[in-house]
Amino acid sequence: MTASSVSRRRLARGTLSRQGIVEAALRLLDEEGPDALTFNRLGSALDASTTAVYRHFAARDEIVVAIAEELDRLSLDGYEPAGDWRDSLRDLAWRAWRTASEHPAAASVAMHRTTRGMHELRAVDAVLEAVHQAGLRGEDAAMGYAVYSHLVLSVCTQHATRLVSVAAEGEEGWVQVYHPTDPAAYPYAQQAAAHLLAIDHAEVFRRQVELVISDLEARARR
């Protein structure tokens, strides 16, 4: 281990817990990226044997799911429904975006995962509450929830993946720059090239969320 805040925050022996492992995993991902999430690295960060980590998590995938649940907890911290259901959905969306921005490596590997945990259920219920306030019921409410949540989680995961890529390779590792042998064969991509480079990803996300809200409004009116 190199000197880092991960190693400086090692837990005392005999105090290992699932939550402690998850917190260490999140710090490890924040500092060293997705490839650092291994049992050996976690054991070193926690000053514990890999066997001790295995007592709490049988596989890496179980840790990833637990991290997804922790990301849900962080996103919902302090959340209260707004007076307008639209503002509730906007708030929930931007909370997920901020969590992905603050913990990109963790979000890139875990945010899209289903946890079936308490904090995921809190998020599901918060979205359904807003959809209910919009006037949708039954199948329409479930569909509205699915469209909204799939959009938010997929876009935030992609945003996190972009941040990880930029950190590893620089901005050129992600931006859409094409150099075809015959530019005339792709006239629309050529015309849009400069604009593709200047895309504001946060603004793209804002527009996507507003499109879903507009769709929910239209369905509620019908």
Protein backbone atom coordinates (compact mmCIF):
# COMPACT_ATOMS: atom_id res chain seq x y z
CA MET A 1 0.00 0.00 0.00
CA THR A 2 1.21 3.46 -0.77
CA ALA A 3 0.67 6.12 1.89
CA SER A 4 -2.90 7.26 1.42
CA SER A 5 -5.98 8.12 3.39
CA VAL A 6 -7.14 4.53 2.83
CA SER A 7 -4.18 3.09 4.72
CA ARG A 8 -4.26 5.84 7.32
CA ARG A 9 -7.86 4.97 8.16
CA ARG A 10 -7.27 1.28 8.83
CA LEU A 11 -9.63 -0.36 11.27
CA ALA A 12 -8.38 -1.93 14.47
CA ARG A 13 -8.25 -5.71 14.45
CA GLY A 14 -11.40 -7.41 15.73
CA THR A 15 -13.68 -4.56 14.68
CA LEU A 16 -14.32 -5.64 11.10
CA SER A 17 -17.95 -5.25 9.98
CA ARG A 18 -19.90 -5.22 6.74
CA GLN A 19 -20.38 -1.47 6.95
CA GLY A 20 -16.70 -0.93 7.67
CA ILE A 21 -15.77 -3.02 4.63
CA VAL A 22 -18.19 -1.07 2.44
CA GLU A 23 -16.80 2.26 3.63
CA ALA A 24 -13.24 1.09 3.00
CA ALA A 25 -14.22 -0.19 -0.44
CA LEU A 26 -15.77 3.17 -1.29
CA ARG A 27 -12.60 5.02 -0.22
CA LEU A 28 -10.47 2.58 -2.19
CA LEU A 29 -12.55 3.15 -5.31
CA ASP A 30 -12.46 6.93 -4.83
CA GLU A 31 -8.69 6.97 -4.56
CA GLU A 32 -7.53 4.23 -6.90
CA GLY A 33 -10.33 3.46 -9.34
CA PRO A 34 -12.44 0.40 -10.22
CA ASP A 35 -9.53 -2.04 -10.62
CA ALA A 36 -8.55 -1.57 -6.95
CA LEU A 37 -11.65 -3.35 -5.65
CA THR A 38 -10.16 -6.74 -4.74
CA PHE A 39 -10.21 -8.79 -1.55
CA ASN A 40 -6.44 -8.44 -1.19
CA ARG A 41 -6.56 -4.66 -1.47
CA LEU A 42 -9.49 -4.45 0.93
CA GLY A 43 -7.68 -6.65 3.43
CA SER A 44 -4.62 -4.39 3.26
CA ALA A 45 -6.73 -1.25 3.63
CA LEU A 46 -8.48 -2.69 6.68
CA ASP A 47 -5.36 -4.27 8.20
CA ALA A 48 -7.18 -7.59 8.04
CA SER A 49 -6.76 -10.89 6.27
CA THR A 50 -8.70 -11.65 3.12
CA THR A 51 -10.29 -14.51 5.06
CA ALA A 52 -11.77 -11.99 7.49
CA VAL A 53 -13.28 -10.05 4.59
CA TYR A 54 -14.69 -13.28 3.14
CA ARG A 55 -16.53 -13.90 6.40
CA HIS A 56 -18.73 -10.90 5.59
CA PHE A 57 -18.81 -11.09 1.77
CA ALA A 58 -18.52 -14.36 -0.12
CA ALA A 59 -17.73 -12.73 -3.46
CA ARG A 60 -16.71 -9.40 -5.00
CA ASP A 61 -20.15 -9.07 -6.53
CA GLU A 62 -21.70 -9.01 -3.05
CA ILE A 63 -19.47 -6.06 -2.18
CA VAL A 64 -20.51 -4.27 -5.38
CA VAL A 65 -24.19 -4.69 -4.46
CA ALA A 66 -23.49 -3.38 -0.95
CA ILE A 67 -21.71 -0.37 -2.47
CA ALA A 68 -24.77 0.27 -4.65
CA GLU A 69 -26.89 0.31 -1.51
CA GLU A 70 -24.44 2.76 0.12
CA LEU A 71 -24.68 5.03 -2.93
CA ASP A 72 -28.47 5.01 -2.53
CA ARG A 73 -28.06 5.99 1.12
CA LEU A 74 -25.73 8.86 0.25
CA SER A 75 -28.05 10.11 -2.50
CA LEU A 76 -31.10 10.14 -0.23
CA ASP A 77 -29.39 11.71 2.78
CA GLY A 78 -31.59 14.66 3.83
CA TYR A 79 -34.16 14.15 1.07
CA GLU A 80 -37.67 15.47 1.67
CA PRO A 81 -40.50 15.50 -0.91
CA ALA A 82 -41.09 18.91 -2.46
CA GLY A 83 -44.45 20.64 -2.66
CA ASP A 84 -44.52 19.94 -6.41
CA TRP A 85 -43.97 16.37 -7.63
CA ARG A 86 -41.91 17.69 -10.54
CA ASP A 87 -39.44 19.27 -8.15
CA SER A 88 -39.25 16.01 -6.18
CA LEU A 89 -38.23 14.13 -9.33
CA ARG A 90 -35.72 16.83 -10.25
CA ASP A 91 -34.22 16.71 -6.77
CA LEU A 92 -33.93 12.92 -6.77
CA ALA A 93 -32.31 12.97 -10.21
CA TRP A 94 -29.71 15.56 -9.28
CA ARG A 95 -28.95 13.76 -6.03
CA ALA A 96 -28.02 10.69 -8.07
CA TRP A 97 -25.96 12.85 -10.45
CA ARG A 98 -24.03 14.44 -7.57
CA THR A 99 -23.34 11.04 -5.99
CA ALA A 100 -22.02 9.76 -9.32
CA SER A 101 -19.85 12.88 -9.62
CA GLU A 102 -18.43 12.51 -6.11
CA HIS A 103 -17.85 8.75 -6.31
CA PRO A 104 -17.40 8.03 -10.04
CA ALA A 105 -15.48 4.76 -9.74
CA ALA A 106 -18.05 3.30 -7.34
CA ALA A 107 -20.97 4.57 -9.41
CA SER A 108 -19.50 3.20 -12.63
CA VAL A 109 -19.45 -0.34 -11.23
CA ALA A 110 -22.42 -0.29 -8.84
CA MET A 111 -25.01 2.42 -9.43
CA HIS A 112 -26.96 0.39 -11.98
CA ARG A 113 -27.22 -2.66 -9.70
CA THR A 114 -30.42 -3.79 -7.98
CA THR A 115 -29.82 -4.22 -4.24
CA ARG A 116 -33.27 -5.06 -2.81
CA GLY A 117 -32.06 -3.16 0.24
CA MET A 118 -33.72 -0.60 2.50
CA HIS A 119 -32.20 2.46 0.83
CA GLU A 120 -33.08 1.26 -2.66
CA LEU A 121 -36.65 0.72 -1.44
CA ARG A 122 -36.65 4.28 -0.04
CA ALA A 123 -35.65 5.56 -3.49
CA VAL A 124 -38.29 3.46 -5.24
CA ASP A 125 -40.97 4.69 -2.86
CA ALA A 126 -39.89 8.33 -3.24
CA VAL A 127 -40.18 8.16 -7.02
CA LEU A 128 -43.53 6.36 -6.86
CA GLU A 129 -44.80 8.97 -4.39
CA ALA A 130 -44.00 11.72 -6.90
CA VAL A 131 -45.58 9.75 -9.76
CA HIS A 132 -48.67 9.19 -7.60
CA GLN A 133 -48.90 12.93 -6.92
CA ALA A 134 -48.71 13.49 -10.68
CA GLY A 135 -51.98 11.58 -10.94
CA LEU A 136 -50.82 8.21 -12.28
CA ARG A 137 -52.01 4.94 -10.80
CA GLY A 138 -51.49 1.21 -11.23
CA GLU A 139 -49.71 0.13 -14.39
CA ASP A 140 -49.24 3.74 -15.53
CA ALA A 141 -47.53 4.61 -12.23
CA ALA A 142 -45.24 1.58 -12.46
CA MET A 143 -44.33 2.42 -16.05
CA GLY A 144 -43.66 6.04 -15.12
CA TYR A 145 -41.40 4.91 -12.29
CA ALA A 146 -39.51 2.52 -14.58
CA VAL A 147 -38.95 5.08 -17.34
CA TYR A 148 -37.71 7.69 -14.87
CA SER A 149 -35.48 5.40 -12.80
CA HIS A 150 -33.96 3.62 -15.79
CA LEU A 151 -33.07 6.95 -17.37
CA VAL A 152 -31.57 8.45 -14.21
CA LEU A 153 -29.53 5.40 -13.25
CA SER A 154 -28.24 4.67 -16.76
CA VAL A 155 -27.26 8.28 -17.48
CA CYS A 156 -25.62 8.74 -14.07
CA THR A 157 -23.70 5.48 -14.54
CA GLN A 158 -22.52 6.67 -17.95
CA HIS A 159 -21.56 10.03 -16.44
CA ALA A 160 -19.50 8.25 -13.77
CA THR A 161 -17.84 6.04 -16.39
CA ARG A 162 -16.93 9.14 -18.38
CA LEU A 163 -15.31 10.73 -15.31
CA VAL A 164 -13.29 7.56 -14.66
CA SER A 165 -12.18 7.48 -18.30
CA VAL A 166 -11.21 11.15 -18.26
CA ALA A 167 -9.20 10.65 -15.06
CA ALA A 168 -7.34 7.72 -16.62
CA GLU A 169 -6.89 8.91 -20.19
CA GLY A 170 -7.66 12.61 -20.26
CA GLU A 171 -10.62 14.20 -22.00
CA GLU A 172 -9.59 12.69 -25.33
CA GLY A 173 -10.44 9.28 -23.91
CA TRP A 174 -14.16 10.09 -24.05
CA VAL A 175 -15.05 12.94 -26.41
CA GLN A 176 -16.61 12.09 -29.74
CA VAL A 177 -13.90 12.95 -32.23
CA TYR A 178 -13.88 11.11 -35.55
CA HIS A 179 -11.28 11.15 -38.31
CA PRO A 180 -12.77 9.06 -41.13
CA THR A 181 -10.71 8.41 -44.23
CA ASP A 182 -13.55 9.86 -46.30
CA PRO A 183 -15.24 12.68 -44.32
CA ALA A 184 -17.72 13.23 -47.15
CA ALA A 185 -19.21 9.82 -46.40
CA TYR A 186 -20.34 11.09 -42.98
CA PRO A 187 -21.59 14.63 -43.69
CA TYR A 188 -23.81 14.98 -40.62
CA ALA A 189 -21.13 13.84 -38.18
CA GLN A 190 -18.69 16.25 -39.83
CA GLN A 191 -21.09 19.17 -39.52
CA ALA A 192 -21.70 18.41 -35.85
CA ALA A 193 -18.07 17.70 -34.91
CA ALA A 194 -17.34 20.98 -33.12
CA HIS A 195 -20.65 20.90 -31.28
CA LEU A 196 -20.12 17.28 -30.14
CA LEU A 197 -16.86 18.39 -28.52
CA ALA A 198 -18.62 21.16 -26.59
CA ILE A 199 -21.57 19.17 -25.22
CA ASP A 200 -22.48 20.03 -21.63
CA HIS A 201 -23.35 16.64 -20.13
CA ALA A 202 -25.16 18.15 -17.16
CA GLU A 203 -27.42 20.07 -19.55
CA VAL A 204 -28.08 16.87 -21.50
CA PHE A 205 -29.15 15.21 -18.26
CA ARG A 206 -31.38 18.13 -17.30
CA ARG A 207 -33.18 17.94 -20.65
CA GLN A 208 -33.62 14.18 -20.39
CA VAL A 209 -35.20 14.48 -16.95
CA GLU A 210 -37.50 17.25 -18.19
CA LEU A 211 -38.60 15.07 -21.11
CA VAL A 212 -39.64 12.32 -18.71
CA ILE A 213 -41.49 14.82 -16.52
CA SER A 214 -43.30 16.19 -19.60
CA ASP A 215 -44.27 12.64 -20.58
CA LEU A 216 -45.66 11.98 -17.08
CA GLU A 217 -47.68 15.21 -17.27
CA ALA A 218 -49.12 14.24 -20.64
CA ARG A 219 -50.05 10.75 -19.47
CA ALA A 220 -51.67 12.10 -16.32
CA ARG A 221 -53.81 14.47 -18.41
CA ARG A 222 -55.01 11.56 -20.53
